[in-house]
Every structure is written in C-alpha cells, then in structure tokens.
Amino acid sequence: MSQQLGHTRVKKNRNGSLFLGTGLVVASMILVPALAGRLGLGASLTGALRIALMKASSRAVSDTTDVSKAA
C-alpha cells in the first residue's frame, strides 16, 4: 500500500519538472530571440542566454541533483 503512494508522489513531481523544463525550452527557443531582436542585443549574448536556459531546462528534467555540473 505504501509503495503505491510513493509512486504517485514521484509521478506528480515528474510532471511539475517536465512542465518547468518545457517552459524553459519555449522561452529559450521563442521568447529570448524575440526579445533580443526587440532590444537590439547581439547574437553572442542571445546565444548565451539560450544556452543558459537550455541547461536550466535539462537540470529541471533530470533526476539527479548534482550541482558539480552547473558550470
């Protein structure tokens, strides 16, 4: 009985992280280039922002909480 409750909690946490990861991907693919073009930011800064958001998305979806790969 307790095993079934544990699996339910894992699924809820997994969905939240997937929504967060998806939101970050959408922001990096659509919103960052649109805002960068509007503000006149350079391509290198736009690329750096997109990379940072993609890394954050990857960390949000992954199961590990290892912060040694943050750099």
PDB file of N, CA and C in Angstrom:
ATOM      1  N   MET A   1       0.811  -1.189   0.000  1.00  0.00           N
ATOM      2  CA  MET A   1       0.000   0.000   0.000  1.00  0.00           C
ATOM      3  C   MET A   1       0.863   1.265   0.000  1.00  0.00           C
ATOM      4  N   SER A   2       1.905   1.260   0.834  1.00  0.00           N
ATOM      5  CA  SER A   2       2.759   2.447   0.899  1.00  0.00           C
ATOM      6  C   SER A   2       3.573   2.613  -0.383  1.00  0.00           C
ATOM      7  N   GLN A   3       3.846   1.516  -1.076  1.00  0.00           N
ATOM      8  CA  GLN A   3       4.595   1.614  -2.334  1.00  0.00           C
ATOM      9  C   GLN A   3       3.776   2.333  -3.393  1.00  0.00           C
ATOM     10  N   GLN A   4       2.486   2.115  -3.419  1.00  0.00           N
ATOM     11  CA  GLN A   4       1.642   2.787  -4.401  1.00  0.00           C
ATOM     12  C   GLN A   4       1.601   4.282  -4.154  1.00  0.00           C
ATOM     13  N   LEU A   5       1.564   4.702  -2.903  1.00  0.00           N
ATOM     14  CA  LEU A   5       1.578   6.128  -2.601  1.00  0.00           C
ATOM     15  C   LEU A   5       2.896   6.759  -3.011  1.00  0.00           C
ATOM     16  N   GLY A   6       3.989   6.053  -2.813  1.00  0.00           N
ATOM     17  CA  GLY A   6       5.293   6.566  -3.206  1.00  0.00           C
ATOM     18  C   GLY A   6       5.396   6.789  -4.697  1.00  0.00           C
ATOM     19  N   HIS A   7       4.856   5.878  -5.477  1.00  0.00           N
ATOM     20  CA  HIS A   7       4.897   6.023  -6.930  1.00  0.00           C
ATOM     21  C   HIS A   7       4.032   7.187  -7.394  1.00  0.00           C
ATOM     22  N   THR A   8       2.927   7.428  -6.734  1.00  0.00           N
ATOM     23  CA  THR A   8       2.065   8.544  -7.093  1.00  0.00           C
ATOM     24  C   THR A   8       2.778   9.871  -6.866  1.00  0.00           C
ATOM     25  N   ARG A   9       3.487   9.994  -5.775  1.00  0.00           N
ATOM     26  CA  ARG A   9       4.214  11.229  -5.494  1.00  0.00           C
ATOM     27  C   ARG A   9       5.318  11.471  -6.518  1.00  0.00           C
ATOM     28  N   VAL A  10       5.983  10.427  -6.933  1.00  0.00           N
ATOM     29  CA  VAL A  10       7.051  10.571  -7.929  1.00  0.00           C
ATOM     30  C   VAL A  10       6.476  11.071  -9.243  1.00  0.00           C
ATOM     31  N   LYS A  11       5.332  10.558  -9.638  1.00  0.00           N
ATOM     32  CA  LYS A  11       4.726  10.995 -10.896  1.00  0.00           C
ATOM     33  C   LYS A  11       4.330  12.464 -10.837  1.00  0.00           C
ATOM     34  N   LYS A  12       3.805  12.925  -9.708  1.00  0.00           N
ATOM     35  CA  LYS A  12       3.428  14.337  -9.594  1.00  0.00           C
ATOM     36  C   LYS A  12       4.656  15.228  -9.682  1.00  0.00           C
ATOM     37  N   ASN A  13       5.741  14.860  -9.016  1.00  0.00           N
ATOM     38  CA  ASN A  13       6.958  15.648  -9.088  1.00  0.00           C
ATOM     39  C   ASN A  13       7.533  15.636 -10.497  1.00  0.00           C
ATOM     40  N   ARG A  14       7.430  14.526 -11.176  1.00  0.00           N
ATOM     41  CA  ARG A  14       7.946  14.394 -12.530  1.00  0.00           C
ATOM     42  C   ARG A  14       7.184  15.321 -13.478  1.00  0.00           C
ATOM     43  N   ASN A  15       5.855  15.403 -13.326  1.00  0.00           N
ATOM     44  CA  ASN A  15       5.067  16.269 -14.203  1.00  0.00           C
ATOM     45  C   ASN A  15       5.420  17.731 -13.993  1.00  0.00           C
ATOM     46  N   GLY A  16       5.618  18.118 -12.761  1.00  0.00           N
ATOM     47  CA  GLY A  16       5.995  19.507 -12.485  1.00  0.00           C
ATOM     48  C   GLY A  16       7.326  19.866 -13.109  1.00  0.00           C
ATOM     49  N   SER A  17       8.285  18.960 -13.008  1.00  0.00           N
ATOM     50  CA  SER A  17       9.593  19.250 -13.591  1.00  0.00           C
ATOM     51  C   SER A  17       9.528  19.248 -15.114  1.00  0.00           C
ATOM     52  N   LEU A  18       8.672  18.408 -15.668  1.00  0.00           N
ATOM     53  CA  LEU A  18       8.529  18.411 -17.131  1.00  0.00           C
ATOM     54  C   LEU A  18       7.882  19.705 -17.621  1.00  0.00           C
ATOM     55  N   PHE A  19       6.899  20.211 -16.890  1.00  0.00           N
ATOM     56  CA  PHE A  19       6.290  21.490 -17.263  1.00  0.00           C
ATOM     57  C   PHE A  19       7.296  22.632 -17.154  1.00  0.00           C
ATOM     58  N   LEU A  20       8.098  22.615 -16.101  1.00  0.00           N
ATOM     59  CA  LEU A  20       9.122  23.638 -15.939  1.00  0.00           C
ATOM     60  C   LEU A  20      10.147  23.560 -17.061  1.00  0.00           C
ATOM     61  N   GLY A  21      10.607  22.352 -17.366  1.00  0.00           N
ATOM     62  CA  GLY A  21      11.572  22.173 -18.450  1.00  0.00           C
ATOM     63  C   GLY A  21      11.019  22.610 -19.789  1.00  0.00           C
ATOM     64  N   THR A  22       9.766  22.277 -20.047  1.00  0.00           N
ATOM     65  CA  THR A  22       9.129  22.677 -21.303  1.00  0.00           C
ATOM     66  C   THR A  22       8.996  24.189 -21.393  1.00  0.00           C
ATOM     67  N   GLY A  23       8.641  24.815 -20.292  1.00  0.00           N
ATOM     68  CA  GLY A  23       8.538  26.280 -20.274  1.00  0.00           C
ATOM     69  C   GLY A  23       9.865  26.952 -20.548  1.00  0.00           C
ATOM     70  N   LEU A  24      10.926  26.408 -19.976  1.00  0.00           N
ATOM     71  CA  LEU A  24      12.252  26.976 -20.216  1.00  0.00           C
ATOM     72  C   LEU A  24      12.703  26.781 -21.661  1.00  0.00           C
ATOM     73  N   VAL A  25      12.345  25.655 -22.250  1.00  0.00           N
ATOM     74  CA  VAL A  25      12.695  25.414 -23.658  1.00  0.00           C
ATOM     75  C   VAL A  25      11.949  26.391 -24.561  1.00  0.00           C
ATOM     76  N   VAL A  26      10.669  26.580 -24.301  1.00  0.00           N
ATOM     77  CA  VAL A  26       9.884  27.535 -25.100  1.00  0.00           C
ATOM     78  C   VAL A  26      10.463  28.936 -24.960  1.00  0.00           C
ATOM     79  N   ALA A  27      10.837  29.297 -23.747  1.00  0.00           N
ATOM     80  CA  ALA A  27      11.425  30.623 -23.540  1.00  0.00           C
ATOM     81  C   ALA A  27      12.729  30.767 -24.314  1.00  0.00           C
ATOM     82  N   SER A  28      13.551  29.726 -24.301  1.00  0.00           N
ATOM     83  CA  SER A  28      14.841  29.845 -24.981  1.00  0.00           C
ATOM     84  C   SER A  28      14.708  29.809 -26.500  1.00  0.00           C
ATOM     85  N   MET A  29      13.732  29.094 -27.007  1.00  0.00           N
ATOM     86  CA  MET A  29      13.592  28.963 -28.462  1.00  0.00           C
ATOM     87  C   MET A  29      12.807  30.113 -29.092  1.00  0.00           C
ATOM     88  N   ILE A  30      11.847  30.675 -28.376  1.00  0.00           N
ATOM     89  CA  ILE A  30      10.953  31.670 -28.962  1.00  0.00           C
ATOM     90  C   ILE A  30      11.105  33.043 -28.323  1.00  0.00           C
ATOM     91  N   LEU A  31      11.001  33.088 -27.002  1.00  0.00           N
ATOM     92  CA  LEU A  31      10.951  34.374 -26.326  1.00  0.00           C
ATOM     93  C   LEU A  31      12.290  35.103 -26.306  1.00  0.00           C
ATOM     94  N   VAL A  32      13.368  34.394 -26.032  1.00  0.00           N
ATOM     95  CA  VAL A  32      14.678  35.057 -25.950  1.00  0.00           C
ATOM     96  C   VAL A  32      15.075  35.684 -27.293  1.00  0.00           C
ATOM     97  N   PRO A  33      14.992  34.973 -28.417  1.00  0.00           N
ATOM     98  CA  PRO A  33      15.346  35.635 -29.683  1.00  0.00           C
ATOM     99  C   PRO A  33      14.420  36.814 -30.028  1.00  0.00           C
ATOM    100  N   ALA A  34      13.138  36.683 -29.692  1.00  0.00           N
ATOM    101  CA  ALA A  34      12.205  37.778 -29.983  1.00  0.00           C
ATOM    102  C   ALA A  34      12.541  39.017 -29.154  1.00  0.00           C
ATOM    103  N   LEU A  35      12.783  38.816 -27.874  1.00  0.00           N
ATOM    104  CA  LEU A  35      13.129  39.950 -27.016  1.00  0.00           C
ATOM    105  C   LEU A  35      14.500  40.523 -27.359  1.00  0.00           C
ATOM    106  N   ALA A  36      15.435  39.662 -27.715  1.00  0.00           N
ATOM    107  CA  ALA A  36      16.770  40.135 -28.081  1.00  0.00           C
ATOM    108  C   ALA A  36      16.711  40.990 -29.344  1.00  0.00           C
ATOM    109  N   GLY A  37      15.913  40.565 -30.302  1.00  0.00           N
ATOM    110  CA  GLY A  37      15.762  41.361 -31.517  1.00  0.00           C
ATOM    111  C   GLY A  37      15.096  42.695 -31.243  1.00  0.00           C
ATOM    112  N   ARG A  38      14.147  42.674 -30.337  1.00  0.00           N
ATOM    113  CA  ARG A  38      13.423  43.902 -29.977  1.00  0.00           C
ATOM    114  C   ARG A  38      14.332  44.890 -29.239  1.00  0.00           C
ATOM    115  N   LEU A  39      15.198  44.339 -28.373  1.00  0.00           N
ATOM    116  CA  LEU A  39      16.080  45.194 -27.581  1.00  0.00           C
ATOM    117  C   LEU A  39      17.400  45.510 -28.288  1.00  0.00           C
ATOM    118  N   GLY A  40      17.680  44.833 -29.375  1.00  0.00           N
ATOM    119  CA  GLY A  40      18.904  45.076 -30.125  1.00  0.00           C
ATOM    120  C   GLY A  40      20.132  44.414 -29.522  1.00  0.00           C
ATOM    121  N   LEU A  41      19.946  43.289 -28.828  1.00  0.00           N
ATOM    122  CA  LEU A  41      21.080  42.566 -28.249  1.00  0.00           C
ATOM    123  C   LEU A  41      21.843  41.834 -29.343  1.00  0.00           C
ATOM    124  N   GLY A  42      23.115  41.641 -29.117  1.00  0.00           N
ATOM    125  CA  GLY A  42      23.956  40.950 -30.082  1.00  0.00           C
ATOM    126  C   GLY A  42      23.676  39.459 -30.125  1.00  0.00           C
ATOM    127  N   ALA A  43      24.143  38.819 -31.183  1.00  0.00           N
ATOM    128  CA  ALA A  43      23.903  37.390 -31.379  1.00  0.00           C
ATOM    129  C   ALA A  43      24.607  36.551 -30.316  1.00  0.00           C
ATOM    130  N   SER A  44      25.791  36.977 -29.889  1.00  0.00           N
ATOM    131  CA  SER A  44      26.515  36.191 -28.886  1.00  0.00           C
ATOM    132  C   SER A  44      25.812  36.224 -27.534  1.00  0.00           C
ATOM    133  N   LEU A  45      25.272  37.360 -27.156  1.00  0.00           N
ATOM    134  CA  LEU A  45      24.535  37.454 -25.899  1.00  0.00           C
ATOM    135  C   LEU A  45      23.232  36.670 -25.974  1.00  0.00           C
ATOM    136  N   THR A  46      22.574  36.727 -27.094  1.00  0.00           N
ATOM    137  CA  THR A  46      21.358  35.948 -27.284  1.00  0.00           C
ATOM    138  C   THR A  46      21.656  34.453 -27.196  1.00  0.00           C
ATOM    139  N   GLY A  47      22.735  34.035 -27.831  1.00  0.00           N
ATOM    140  CA  GLY A  47      23.128  32.626 -27.762  1.00  0.00           C
ATOM    141  C   GLY A  47      23.467  32.189 -26.351  1.00  0.00           C
ATOM    142  N   ALA A  48      24.147  33.049 -25.610  1.00  0.00           N
ATOM    143  CA  ALA A  48      24.492  32.716 -24.224  1.00  0.00           C
ATOM    144  C   ALA A  48      23.243  32.581 -23.363  1.00  0.00           C
ATOM    145  N   LEU A  49      22.277  33.446 -23.566  1.00  0.00           N
ATOM    146  CA  LEU A  49      21.016  33.340 -22.822  1.00  0.00           C
ATOM    147  C   LEU A  49      20.268  32.062 -23.166  1.00  0.00           C
ATOM    148  N   ARG A  50      20.268  31.709 -24.431  1.00  0.00           N
ATOM    149  CA  ARG A  50      19.589  30.478 -24.847  1.00  0.00           C
ATOM    150  C   ARG A  50      20.274  29.251 -24.261  1.00  0.00           C
ATOM    151  N   ILE A  51      21.595  29.229 -24.247  1.00  0.00           N
ATOM    152  CA  ILE A  51      22.336  28.103 -23.678  1.00  0.00           C
ATOM    153  C   ILE A  51      22.050  27.984 -22.187  1.00  0.00           C
ATOM    154  N   ALA A  52      22.036  29.108 -21.484  1.00  0.00           N
ATOM    155  CA  ALA A  52      21.759  29.079 -20.049  1.00  0.00           C
ATOM    156  C   ALA A  52      20.361  28.527 -19.766  1.00  0.00           C
ATOM    157  N   LEU A  53      19.381  28.924 -20.559  1.00  0.00           N
ATOM    158  CA  LEU A  53      18.020  28.411 -20.356  1.00  0.00           C
ATOM    159  C   LEU A  53      17.909  26.934 -20.713  1.00  0.00           C
ATOM    160  N   MET A  54      18.617  26.500 -21.737  1.00  0.00           N
ATOM    161  CA  MET A  54      18.585  25.081 -22.095  1.00  0.00           C
ATOM    162  C   MET A  54      19.240  24.228 -21.018  1.00  0.00           C
ATOM    163  N   LYS A  55      20.332  24.713 -20.417  1.00  0.00           N
ATOM    164  CA  LYS A  55      20.965  23.987 -19.314  1.00  0.00           C
ATOM    165  C   LYS A  55      20.033  23.916 -18.117  1.00  0.00           C
ATOM    166  N   ALA A  56      19.353  25.011 -17.824  1.00  0.00           N
ATOM    167  CA  ALA A  56      18.398  25.017 -16.712  1.00  0.00           C
ATOM    168  C   ALA A  56      17.255  24.047 -16.982  1.00  0.00           C
ATOM    169  N   SER A  57      16.818  23.976 -18.224  1.00  0.00           N
ATOM    170  CA  SER A  57      15.765  23.036 -18.596  1.00  0.00           C
ATOM    171  C   SER A  57      16.225  21.604 -18.405  1.00  0.00           C
ATOM    172  N   SER A  58      17.440  21.327 -18.801  1.00  0.00           N
ATOM    173  CA  SER A  58      17.985  19.980 -18.652  1.00  0.00           C
ATOM    174  C   SER A  58      18.093  19.596 -17.181  1.00  0.00           C
ATOM    175  N   ARG A  59      18.532  20.535 -16.348  1.00  0.00           N
ATOM    176  CA  ARG A  59      18.640  20.260 -14.919  1.00  0.00           C
ATOM    177  C   ARG A  59      17.274  20.075 -14.278  1.00  0.00           C
ATOM    178  N   ALA A  60      16.272  20.781 -14.762  1.00  0.00           N
ATOM    179  CA  ALA A  60      14.933  20.665 -14.187  1.00  0.00           C
ATOM    180  C   ALA A  60      14.324  19.302 -14.473  1.00  0.00           C
ATOM    181  N   VAL A  61      14.630  18.734 -15.613  1.00  0.00           N
ATOM    182  CA  VAL A  61      14.031  17.463 -16.011  1.00  0.00           C
ATOM    183  C   VAL A  61      14.835  16.269 -15.513  1.00  0.00           C
ATOM    184  N   SER A  62      16.145  16.431 -15.334  1.00  0.00           N
ATOM    185  CA  SER A  62      16.969  15.289 -14.930  1.00  0.00           C
ATOM    186  C   SER A  62      16.652  14.866 -13.508  1.00  0.00           C
ATOM    187  N   ASP A  63      16.947  13.593 -13.214  1.00  0.00           N
ATOM    188  CA  ASP A  63      16.657  13.037 -11.899  1.00  0.00           C
ATOM    189  C   ASP A  63      17.708  13.393 -10.863  1.00  0.00           C
ATOM    190  N   THR A  64      18.906  13.701 -11.271  1.00  0.00           N
ATOM    191  CA  THR A  64      19.985  13.938 -10.325  1.00  0.00           C
ATOM    192  C   THR A  64      19.968  15.380  -9.840  1.00  0.00           C
ATOM    193  N   THR A  65      20.491  15.594  -8.658  1.00  0.00           N
ATOM    194  CA  THR A  65      20.606  16.946  -8.103  1.00  0.00           C
ATOM    195  C   THR A  65      22.072  17.324  -7.938  1.00  0.00           C
ATOM    196  N   ASP A  66      22.931  16.778  -8.783  1.00  0.00           N
ATOM    197  CA  ASP A  66      24.363  17.039  -8.720  1.00  0.00           C
ATOM    198  C   ASP A  66      24.640  18.443  -9.245  1.00  0.00           C
ATOM    199  N   VAL A  67      25.168  19.317  -8.389  1.00  0.00           N
ATOM    200  CA  VAL A  67      25.440  20.683  -8.793  1.00  0.00           C
ATOM    201  C   VAL A  67      26.863  20.866  -9.297  1.00  0.00           C
ATOM    202  N   SER A  68      27.648  19.798  -9.331  1.00  0.00           N
ATOM    203  CA  SER A  68      29.034  19.918  -9.805  1.00  0.00           C
ATOM    204  C   SER A  68      29.084  20.184 -11.304  1.00  0.00           C
ATOM    205  N   LYS A  69      28.026  19.846 -12.029  1.00  0.00           N
ATOM    206  CA  LYS A  69      27.980  20.086 -13.476  1.00  0.00           C
ATOM    207  C   LYS A  69      27.352  21.426 -13.823  1.00  0.00           C
ATOM    208  N   ALA A  70      27.135  22.278 -12.855  1.00  0.00           N
ATOM    209  CA  ALA A  70      26.459  23.543 -13.080  1.00  0.00           C
ATOM    210  C   ALA A  70      27.288  24.492 -13.939  1.00  0.00           C
ATOM    211  N   ALA A  71      28.580  24.382 -13.938  1.00  0.00           N
ATOM    212  CA  ALA A  71      29.423  25.305 -14.687  1.00  0.00           C
ATOM    213  C   ALA A  71      29.566  24.899 -16.094  1.00  0.00           C
TER     214      ALA A  71
END
